[in-house]
Amino acid sequence: MREYFKDFLAYYKLYLFVLLPLVMLPLALVLDGEEDGIDFKKLGQFRCVFLIISEVKIFSYLLVIVASFWIFDVLPLAVTALIPYLILPSFGMISSSVIAAKYMSNVNFLLMGGFMLAIAIEESNLHKRIALGTLMHIGSNPRALMFGFMLVTWLLSMCITNTSTTALMIPIVISVLEQLKETDKNDKKDDFCSEDIEKNKIKTDQKSIKSENSEIEDKPTRLEIYLLLCVPFSANIGGLGTLTGTDLNVYLAGYYREFYEEYSNIDGNDYFDLTYANWAKYALLQSLTVFLLSFLWLQGLGFGWNPKDWFNCKNSEEANEVIKTEYKKLGPIKQAEFLSLICFVTTVVLWISRDPSEDANGWADLFPMPNWMTDGMAVIIIAIFLFILPKKRSGLFTIFSKNYNIRDGPSEGILNWEIVQRKCAWGVLILMGGGFAIAQASDDSGFSEFIANG
């Protein structure tokens, strides 16, 4: 019996892929005579095969299938997001051309350009230089380390994705912790803080011993736990501060722009577009407040709530040495880093100045149709330049090299298509498109109104 159960679990995705759409099919096929306007008595013997299905039921069927495939991981998330493109035209709800346009909307172009800009920053190691440079100037006692890691992560997560920011910062945190742990093994005296380091360790009454001569397995210290925890905390908080900080922010802006822009044509409506500047104006201060409160909460849990101890911790020379060593490995600032920084700052300026406020005109007003200018266009033009701007010294773009020989030839661009193809989150773009397609179907089918009315 167990073997059959194991075989079932091994192929559960295949079973769900085949059976789930069939089992849920009555959800779309069951008719309600009053709701669907059908007189079953007139249909006679053909009433079982006469399939006039309400669009609300079709969408309910689609929603259950897509949600179930996502929950049980039947297919990859991006592949599941393609299902609306198959089901909606097949049942005559929305044409395939309309649905296909949802998979490459203005929001997708904004995301794609943002991905390319983030890839350029990562490829040039600009993000690592910013992180290590900030930590060098903040300090290396426990509370300063936590604040430094959280501050850098919070700032970077506004510019690049939370996952990429966390993936960058965690190895740096681990390197610092490993050096501190090695120093603690060699020197039992603790000069890292005024309190004994044993107070920062998790109490372990029951210790696991592998054998009589084996070493006792060490448990993680509070310093290790909370320095690692603070990174994903601040990455999520920083992602709320800007429009491009998190994919969901961009999704909300796209949905808002698509389904509520019609109200801008009605006189008296105080409608405004969700631009980069508008988002930062309302969310940046909130993100900063939550960041500071999270720091106070985490450092209190990790290192104590006594204010007198906040100033008694000394800087760790070992932690300083690790940070300085990693920073020195980067060498002097390179041309790719400088140009990536210029492109990033230019992008942010373009985002903010496109439509700064109701009282001030932005660069979009220089064009015949200002409403057609979007944040996606701004980041795409910068992304195109990243394929042209040279990574190393080259001709007119030789910034940090005085002795340039033109015979060396042009340098390759900061970005090339192979890197973008490998690192860009194409699945996220498809997933966002699938979400927009489902939102469109929910509105057109009347499902949203049906749920709102109860």
Protein backbone atom coordinates (compact mmCIF):
# COMPACT_ATOMS: atom_id res chain seq x y z
CA MET A 1 0.00 0.00 0.00
CA ARG A 2 2.84 2.33 0.85
CA GLU A 3 4.46 1.69 -2.52
CA TYR A 4 1.27 2.67 -4.36
CA PHE A 5 1.04 5.80 -2.22
CA LYS A 6 4.66 6.68 -3.00
CA ASP A 7 4.01 6.19 -6.71
CA PHE A 8 0.98 8.46 -6.47
CA LEU A 9 3.00 11.18 -4.76
CA ALA A 10 5.73 10.84 -7.37
CA TYR A 11 3.26 11.61 -10.17
CA TYR A 12 0.81 13.85 -8.31
CA LYS A 13 1.51 16.79 -10.62
CA LEU A 14 0.49 14.75 -13.67
CA TYR A 15 -2.68 13.55 -11.94
CA LEU A 16 -3.64 17.07 -10.92
CA PHE A 17 -2.88 18.42 -14.38
CA VAL A 18 -5.28 15.92 -15.98
CA LEU A 19 -7.97 15.47 -13.34
CA LEU A 20 -8.33 18.94 -11.82
CA PRO A 21 -9.69 20.66 -14.98
CA LEU A 22 -12.12 17.76 -15.48
CA VAL A 23 -13.31 17.70 -11.88
CA MET A 24 -13.83 21.47 -11.86
CA LEU A 25 -15.57 21.53 -15.25
CA PRO A 26 -19.09 21.39 -13.74
CA LEU A 27 -18.32 24.73 -12.13
CA ALA A 28 -18.47 26.27 -15.60
CA LEU A 29 -21.12 23.99 -17.13
CA VAL A 30 -23.80 23.97 -14.41
CA LEU A 31 -26.58 26.28 -15.55
CA ASP A 32 -29.00 28.37 -13.59
CA GLY A 33 -32.13 28.96 -15.65
CA GLU A 34 -33.08 32.25 -14.02
CA GLU A 35 -29.51 33.62 -13.93
CA ASP A 36 -28.58 32.59 -17.46
CA GLY A 37 -31.97 33.38 -19.00
CA ILE A 38 -32.58 29.85 -20.28
CA ASP A 39 -35.95 28.09 -20.46
CA PHE A 40 -34.97 24.43 -19.93
CA LYS A 41 -38.49 23.22 -20.74
CA LYS A 42 -38.17 24.42 -24.34
CA LEU A 43 -34.85 22.63 -24.75
CA GLY A 44 -36.39 19.20 -24.20
CA GLN A 45 -33.99 16.27 -24.68
CA PHE A 46 -31.22 18.63 -25.80
CA ARG A 47 -31.01 20.48 -22.49
CA CYS A 48 -28.03 18.39 -21.33
CA VAL A 49 -25.88 19.32 -24.30
CA PHE A 50 -27.02 22.89 -24.78
CA LEU A 51 -24.03 24.75 -23.32
CA ILE A 52 -24.86 28.37 -22.79
CA ILE A 53 -22.52 29.32 -19.97
CA SER A 54 -22.40 32.62 -18.11
CA GLU A 55 -19.12 34.47 -18.23
CA VAL A 56 -19.00 34.67 -14.43
CA LYS A 57 -18.92 30.87 -14.24
CA ILE A 58 -16.26 30.64 -16.94
CA PHE A 59 -14.07 33.05 -15.02
CA SER A 60 -14.70 31.15 -11.77
CA TYR A 61 -13.54 27.98 -13.51
CA LEU A 62 -10.42 29.74 -14.81
CA LEU A 63 -9.65 31.25 -11.41
CA VAL A 64 -9.91 27.90 -9.60
CA ILE A 65 -7.70 26.14 -12.15
CA VAL A 66 -4.98 28.81 -12.15
CA ALA A 67 -5.02 29.19 -8.36
CA SER A 68 -4.86 25.42 -7.83
CA PHE A 69 -1.96 25.04 -10.27
CA TRP A 70 -0.11 27.82 -8.47
CA ILE A 71 -0.79 26.42 -4.98
CA PHE A 72 0.14 22.82 -5.77
CA ASP A 73 3.01 23.79 -8.10
CA VAL A 74 1.58 21.66 -10.91
CA LEU A 75 3.37 23.81 -13.49
CA PRO A 76 5.96 26.57 -13.15
CA LEU A 77 4.36 29.86 -12.12
CA ALA A 78 5.08 31.55 -15.45
CA VAL A 79 3.71 28.60 -17.45
CA THR A 80 0.50 28.60 -15.39
CA ALA A 81 0.17 32.33 -16.12
CA LEU A 82 -0.22 31.44 -19.82
CA ILE A 83 -3.45 29.49 -19.20
CA PRO A 84 -5.72 32.60 -19.45
CA TYR A 85 -4.44 33.10 -23.00
CA LEU A 86 -5.87 29.66 -23.86
CA ILE A 87 -9.12 29.57 -21.89
CA LEU A 88 -10.52 33.09 -22.32
CA PRO A 89 -10.57 33.16 -26.16
CA SER A 90 -11.72 29.52 -26.28
CA PHE A 91 -14.90 30.34 -24.34
CA GLY A 92 -15.50 33.52 -26.33
CA MET A 93 -14.92 35.94 -23.47
CA ILE A 94 -11.98 38.03 -24.75
CA SER A 95 -10.18 37.89 -28.09
CA SER A 96 -6.67 36.46 -28.17
CA SER A 97 -5.22 39.74 -29.48
CA VAL A 98 -6.56 41.65 -26.46
CA ILE A 99 -5.26 39.04 -24.03
CA ALA A 100 -1.86 38.89 -25.77
CA ALA A 101 -1.46 42.67 -25.32
CA LYS A 102 -1.75 42.21 -21.55
CA TYR A 103 1.42 40.11 -21.52
CA MET A 104 3.51 43.02 -22.84
CA SER A 105 1.97 46.16 -21.39
CA ASN A 106 3.67 49.39 -20.33
CA VAL A 107 4.21 47.92 -16.87
CA ASN A 108 6.10 44.97 -18.37
CA PHE A 109 8.36 47.36 -20.26
CA LEU A 110 8.99 49.25 -17.02
CA LEU A 111 9.90 46.01 -15.28
CA MET A 112 12.09 44.81 -18.14
CA GLY A 113 14.01 48.09 -18.23
CA GLY A 114 14.37 47.98 -14.46
CA PHE A 115 15.73 44.45 -14.66
CA MET A 116 18.32 45.52 -17.25
CA LEU A 117 19.41 48.49 -15.14
CA ALA A 118 19.73 46.26 -12.07
CA ILE A 119 21.75 43.71 -14.06
CA ALA A 120 24.14 46.47 -15.17
CA ILE A 121 24.62 47.56 -11.54
CA GLU A 122 25.28 43.97 -10.48
CA GLU A 123 27.62 43.20 -13.39
CA SER A 124 29.73 46.28 -12.65
CA ASN A 125 29.81 45.49 -8.88
CA LEU A 126 28.53 48.99 -8.14
CA HIS A 127 26.07 47.63 -5.58
CA LYS A 128 28.85 45.83 -3.71
CA ARG A 129 31.02 48.96 -3.62
CA ILE A 130 28.11 50.98 -2.22
CA ALA A 131 27.37 48.34 0.42
CA LEU A 132 30.94 47.88 1.63
CA GLY A 133 31.72 51.61 1.47
CA THR A 134 28.72 52.40 3.65
CA LEU A 135 29.62 49.73 6.22
CA MET A 136 33.19 51.07 6.48
CA HIS A 137 31.92 54.47 7.61
CA ILE A 138 29.15 53.36 9.99
CA GLY A 139 31.11 51.21 12.44
CA SER A 140 31.39 47.58 13.44
CA ASN A 141 29.94 47.12 16.93
CA PRO A 142 26.83 44.89 17.00
CA ARG A 143 24.26 47.67 16.87
CA ALA A 144 26.20 49.65 14.27
CA LEU A 145 26.64 46.53 12.14
CA MET A 146 22.92 45.86 12.27
CA PHE A 147 22.09 49.45 11.39
CA GLY A 148 24.65 49.44 8.57
CA PHE A 149 23.41 46.20 7.03
CA MET A 150 19.79 47.32 7.32
CA LEU A 151 20.46 50.79 5.90
CA VAL A 152 22.37 49.49 2.87
CA THR A 153 19.79 46.76 2.22
CA TRP A 154 16.93 49.26 2.59
CA LEU A 155 18.50 51.67 0.10
CA LEU A 156 19.47 49.02 -2.46
CA SER A 157 16.07 47.32 -2.35
CA MET A 158 14.50 50.55 -3.61
CA CYS A 159 16.57 50.23 -6.77
CA ILE A 160 16.89 46.49 -7.41
CA THR A 161 14.66 43.57 -6.49
CA ASN A 162 14.41 42.36 -2.90
CA THR A 163 15.76 38.94 -3.86
CA SER A 164 18.85 40.37 -5.57
CA THR A 165 19.52 42.72 -2.65
CA THR A 166 19.25 39.90 -0.12
CA ALA A 167 21.44 37.64 -2.25
CA LEU A 168 24.09 40.39 -2.29
CA MET A 169 24.04 41.22 1.42
CA ILE A 170 23.81 37.76 2.98
CA PRO A 171 27.34 36.64 1.84
CA ILE A 172 28.78 39.87 3.25
CA VAL A 173 27.03 39.26 6.59
CA ILE A 174 28.25 35.66 6.68
CA SER A 175 31.85 36.73 5.95
CA VAL A 176 31.80 39.18 8.86
CA LEU A 177 30.22 36.63 11.22
CA GLU A 178 32.70 33.92 10.28
CA GLN A 179 35.63 36.22 11.01
CA LEU A 180 34.12 37.20 14.36
CA LYS A 181 33.50 33.56 15.23
CA GLU A 182 37.07 32.60 14.35
CA THR A 183 38.41 35.41 16.51
CA ASP A 184 36.20 34.35 19.39
CA LYS A 185 37.64 30.82 19.21
CA ASN A 186 41.20 32.10 19.41
CA ASP A 187 40.52 34.69 22.11
CA LYS A 188 38.03 33.85 24.83
CA LYS A 189 38.09 37.44 26.04
CA ASP A 190 35.38 39.55 24.54
CA ASP A 191 36.30 43.08 23.58
CA PHE A 192 33.43 43.26 21.09
CA CYS A 193 30.90 44.48 23.62
CA SER A 194 30.85 45.44 27.27
CA GLU A 195 28.74 42.41 28.08
CA ASP A 196 30.16 38.92 27.93
CA ILE A 197 29.51 37.23 24.62
CA GLU A 198 27.92 34.31 26.40
CA LYS A 199 24.94 36.54 27.17
CA ASN A 200 24.36 36.87 23.44
CA LYS A 201 24.26 33.14 22.90
CA ILE A 202 21.07 31.15 22.93
CA LYS A 203 20.90 29.10 26.09
CA THR A 204 21.33 25.44 25.34
CA ASP A 205 20.67 23.16 28.29
CA GLN A 206 20.55 20.07 26.11
CA LYS A 207 23.66 19.72 23.95
CA SER A 208 24.00 17.08 21.28
CA ILE A 209 27.20 15.03 21.49
CA LYS A 210 28.08 12.86 18.49
CA SER A 211 30.56 10.68 20.43
CA GLU A 212 32.62 10.76 23.59
CA ASN A 213 35.56 12.46 21.87
CA SER A 214 33.51 14.62 19.52
CA GLU A 215 33.13 18.36 19.96
CA ILE A 216 29.92 19.83 21.30
CA GLU A 217 27.79 21.25 18.50
CA ASP A 218 27.66 25.04 18.83
CA LYS A 219 24.37 26.83 18.62
CA PRO A 220 24.07 30.13 16.73
CA THR A 221 24.52 33.30 18.73
CA ARG A 222 22.00 36.08 18.88
CA LEU A 223 24.41 38.22 16.90
CA GLU A 224 24.38 35.70 14.04
CA ILE A 225 20.62 35.22 14.12
CA TYR A 226 19.62 38.88 14.18
CA LEU A 227 22.23 40.11 11.71
CA LEU A 228 20.93 37.54 9.23
CA LEU A 229 17.28 38.36 10.00
CA CYS A 230 17.71 42.11 9.58
CA VAL A 231 18.65 41.77 5.88
CA PRO A 232 15.38 40.29 4.50
CA PHE A 233 13.39 42.51 6.89
CA SER A 234 14.92 45.70 5.52
CA ALA A 235 14.78 44.42 1.92
CA ASN A 236 11.01 44.04 2.16
CA ILE A 237 10.63 47.41 3.87
CA GLY A 238 12.78 49.20 1.29
CA GLY A 239 10.79 47.68 -1.54
CA LEU A 240 7.76 49.64 -0.38
CA GLY A 241 9.44 53.01 -0.72
CA THR A 242 9.57 53.36 -4.50
CA LEU A 243 7.38 52.34 -7.40
CA THR A 244 10.02 50.00 -8.83
CA GLY A 245 11.14 48.61 -5.47
CA THR A 246 8.88 45.55 -5.70
CA ASP A 247 7.12 43.88 -8.60
CA LEU A 248 3.75 44.14 -6.83
CA ASN A 249 4.06 47.94 -6.67
CA VAL A 250 4.42 48.05 -10.44
CA TYR A 251 1.49 45.65 -10.82
CA LEU A 252 -0.73 47.89 -8.71
CA ALA A 253 0.27 50.95 -10.76
CA GLY A 254 -0.49 49.13 -14.00
CA TYR A 255 -3.87 47.91 -12.78
CA TYR A 256 -4.76 51.36 -11.44
CA ARG A 257 -3.73 53.07 -14.66
CA GLU A 258 -5.62 50.64 -16.88
CA PHE A 259 -8.90 50.34 -15.00
CA TYR A 260 -9.30 53.79 -13.47
CA GLU A 261 -7.85 56.12 -16.07
CA GLU A 262 -11.28 56.45 -17.64
CA TYR A 263 -12.34 58.58 -14.66
CA SER A 264 -9.75 61.20 -15.61
CA ASN A 265 -12.01 62.21 -18.51
CA ILE A 266 -14.90 63.07 -16.17
CA ASP A 267 -15.04 66.68 -15.09
CA GLY A 268 -14.59 67.24 -11.38
CA ASN A 269 -12.72 64.01 -10.70
CA ASP A 270 -9.44 64.48 -8.85
CA TYR A 271 -7.63 61.71 -10.73
CA PHE A 272 -3.85 61.47 -10.80
CA ASP A 273 -1.52 58.89 -12.28
CA LEU A 274 0.61 56.64 -10.06
CA THR A 275 4.04 57.91 -11.09
CA TYR A 276 7.41 57.39 -9.48
CA ALA A 277 7.22 60.82 -7.82
CA ASN A 278 3.65 60.33 -6.53
CA TRP A 279 4.49 56.92 -5.09
CA ALA A 280 7.63 58.19 -3.32
CA LYS A 281 5.71 61.16 -1.94
CA TYR A 282 3.23 58.91 -0.14
CA ALA A 283 5.28 55.77 0.58
CA LEU A 284 8.88 56.84 1.17
CA LEU A 285 8.26 58.39 4.57
CA GLN A 286 6.21 55.38 5.65
CA SER A 287 8.99 53.05 4.53
CA LEU A 288 11.56 55.09 6.47
CA THR A 289 9.39 55.02 9.61
CA VAL A 290 8.92 51.25 9.46
CA PHE A 291 12.66 50.84 8.80
CA LEU A 292 13.60 52.77 11.95
CA LEU A 293 11.00 50.98 14.08
CA SER A 294 12.20 47.60 12.79
CA PHE A 295 15.79 48.47 13.64
CA LEU A 296 14.84 49.47 17.19
CA TRP A 297 12.79 46.30 17.61
CA LEU A 298 15.43 43.90 16.24
CA GLN A 299 18.37 45.44 18.10
CA GLY A 300 16.32 45.38 21.30
CA LEU A 301 15.46 41.70 20.90
CA GLY A 302 18.99 40.80 19.87
CA PHE A 303 21.18 42.90 22.13
CA GLY A 304 18.95 44.14 24.95
CA TRP A 305 16.74 47.11 25.71
CA ASN A 306 18.97 48.91 28.23
CA PRO A 307 19.88 52.31 26.67
CA LYS A 308 23.14 52.42 28.68
CA ASP A 309 24.47 49.41 26.78
CA TRP A 310 23.91 51.08 23.42
CA PHE A 311 27.05 53.15 23.81
CA ASN A 312 29.26 50.63 25.62
CA CYS A 313 29.88 48.30 22.67
CA LYS A 314 33.24 48.74 21.00
CA ASN A 315 34.01 48.40 17.34
CA SER A 316 35.34 45.03 16.24
CA GLU A 317 38.69 45.25 14.53
CA GLU A 318 38.06 41.86 12.94
CA ALA A 319 34.81 43.01 11.37
CA ASN A 320 36.49 46.18 10.14
CA GLU A 321 39.27 44.12 8.62
CA VAL A 322 36.84 41.87 6.75
CA ILE A 323 34.95 44.83 5.30
CA LYS A 324 38.14 46.67 4.33
CA THR A 325 39.60 43.53 2.72
CA GLU A 326 36.49 42.95 0.63
CA TYR A 327 36.45 46.62 -0.38
CA LYS A 328 40.11 46.54 -1.43
CA LYS A 329 39.39 43.54 -3.66
CA LEU A 330 37.17 45.79 -5.77
CA GLY A 331 40.14 48.02 -6.62
CA PRO A 332 39.71 51.58 -7.86
CA ILE A 333 36.37 52.59 -9.29
CA LYS A 334 36.00 51.33 -12.84
CA GLN A 335 34.44 52.92 -15.88
CA ALA A 336 31.55 50.44 -15.89
CA GLU A 337 30.67 51.35 -12.30
CA PHE A 338 30.82 55.08 -13.01
CA LEU A 339 28.65 54.84 -16.13
CA SER A 340 26.17 52.52 -14.37
CA LEU A 341 25.87 55.05 -11.56
CA ILE A 342 25.29 57.87 -14.06
CA CYS A 343 22.62 55.82 -15.85
CA PHE A 344 20.90 54.95 -12.58
CA VAL A 345 20.81 58.56 -11.36
CA THR A 346 19.58 59.71 -14.78
CA THR A 347 16.79 57.13 -14.69
CA VAL A 348 15.62 58.24 -11.25
CA VAL A 349 15.67 61.89 -12.36
CA LEU A 350 13.62 61.02 -15.44
CA TRP A 351 11.11 59.09 -13.34
CA ILE A 352 10.68 61.91 -10.86
CA SER A 353 10.61 64.75 -13.40
CA ARG A 354 8.16 63.16 -15.87
CA ASP A 355 5.13 64.40 -13.94
CA PRO A 356 6.44 65.90 -10.68
CA SER A 357 3.15 67.44 -9.48
CA GLU A 358 -0.10 68.98 -10.58
CA ASP A 359 1.35 72.49 -10.38
CA ALA A 360 4.65 71.78 -12.16
CA ASN A 361 5.18 70.51 -15.68
CA GLY A 362 7.58 67.68 -16.40
CA TRP A 363 9.53 66.60 -19.45
CA ALA A 364 6.48 64.71 -20.71
CA ASP A 365 4.84 68.06 -21.49
CA LEU A 366 7.52 68.71 -24.13
CA PHE A 367 5.92 66.08 -26.36
CA PRO A 368 2.68 66.37 -28.38
CA MET A 369 0.90 63.75 -26.26
CA PRO A 370 2.15 63.98 -22.65
CA ASN A 371 -0.17 61.21 -21.47
CA TRP A 372 1.56 58.78 -23.80
CA MET A 373 4.90 59.27 -22.06
CA THR A 374 5.49 56.64 -19.36
CA ASP A 375 8.14 55.63 -16.83
CA GLY A 376 8.74 52.54 -18.92
CA MET A 377 9.92 54.67 -21.84
CA ALA A 378 12.42 56.48 -19.60
CA VAL A 379 14.06 53.31 -18.30
CA ILE A 380 14.04 51.60 -21.71
CA ILE A 381 16.04 54.41 -23.35
CA ILE A 382 18.62 54.15 -20.54
CA ALA A 383 18.71 50.37 -20.94
CA ILE A 384 19.43 50.77 -24.65
CA PHE A 385 22.37 53.05 -23.82
CA LEU A 386 23.76 50.38 -21.48
CA PHE A 387 24.30 48.14 -24.50
CA ILE A 388 26.34 50.91 -26.17
CA LEU A 389 28.33 52.46 -23.31
CA PRO A 390 31.68 50.61 -23.06
CA LYS A 391 32.57 48.59 -20.01
CA LYS A 392 36.29 49.41 -20.30
CA ARG A 393 38.32 52.32 -21.68
CA SER A 394 37.28 53.11 -25.20
CA GLY A 395 37.61 56.24 -27.32
CA LEU A 396 35.48 59.20 -26.26
CA PHE A 397 34.25 57.31 -23.18
CA THR A 398 37.74 56.88 -21.68
CA ILE A 399 37.15 58.36 -18.25
CA PHE A 400 39.68 56.81 -15.90
CA SER A 401 42.53 56.09 -18.30
CA LYS A 402 44.80 58.80 -19.68
CA ASN A 403 46.94 56.48 -21.78
CA TYR A 404 44.47 55.01 -24.24
CA ASN A 405 45.63 53.47 -27.46
CA ILE A 406 43.02 53.63 -30.22
CA ARG A 407 44.45 50.42 -31.66
CA ASP A 408 43.01 48.56 -28.71
CA GLY A 409 39.64 48.86 -30.41
CA PRO A 410 36.23 49.51 -28.88
CA SER A 411 35.26 47.89 -25.64
CA GLU A 412 32.16 45.74 -25.25
CA GLY A 413 29.11 47.35 -23.72
CA ILE A 414 28.23 47.27 -20.04
CA LEU A 415 25.41 44.93 -21.02
CA ASN A 416 25.22 42.29 -23.70
CA TRP A 417 22.27 40.18 -24.69
CA GLU A 418 23.76 36.94 -23.34
CA ILE A 419 23.94 38.37 -19.82
CA VAL A 420 20.45 39.88 -20.03
CA GLN A 421 19.01 36.67 -21.42
CA ARG A 422 20.55 34.69 -18.57
CA LYS A 423 19.79 37.01 -15.66
CA CYS A 424 16.57 38.79 -16.59
CA ALA A 425 13.49 37.43 -14.79
CA TRP A 426 11.46 36.67 -17.90
CA GLY A 427 9.12 34.47 -15.88
CA VAL A 428 8.14 37.48 -13.77
CA LEU A 429 7.14 39.39 -16.92
CA ILE A 430 4.90 36.51 -18.05
CA LEU A 431 3.50 36.17 -14.53
CA MET A 432 2.62 39.87 -14.45
CA GLY A 433 0.97 39.56 -17.86
CA GLY A 434 -1.10 36.63 -16.66
CA GLY A 435 -2.22 38.70 -13.68
CA PHE A 436 -3.31 41.54 -15.94
CA ALA A 437 -5.18 39.08 -18.17
CA ILE A 438 -7.03 37.64 -15.16
CA ALA A 439 -7.85 41.15 -13.93
CA GLN A 440 -9.22 42.07 -17.35
CA ALA A 441 -11.35 38.92 -17.46
CA SER A 442 -12.63 39.53 -13.94
CA ASP A 443 -13.81 43.01 -14.93
CA ASP A 444 -15.29 42.05 -18.33
CA SER A 445 -17.08 38.96 -17.08
CA GLY A 446 -18.80 40.79 -14.25
CA PHE A 447 -17.10 38.64 -11.62
CA SER A 448 -15.75 41.68 -9.77
CA GLU A 449 -19.23 43.20 -9.61
CA PHE A 450 -20.68 39.84 -8.57
CA ILE A 451 -18.24 39.60 -5.61
CA ALA A 452 -18.73 43.26 -4.67
CA ASN A 453 -22.52 42.86 -4.56
CA GLY A 454 -22.25 39.68 -2.52
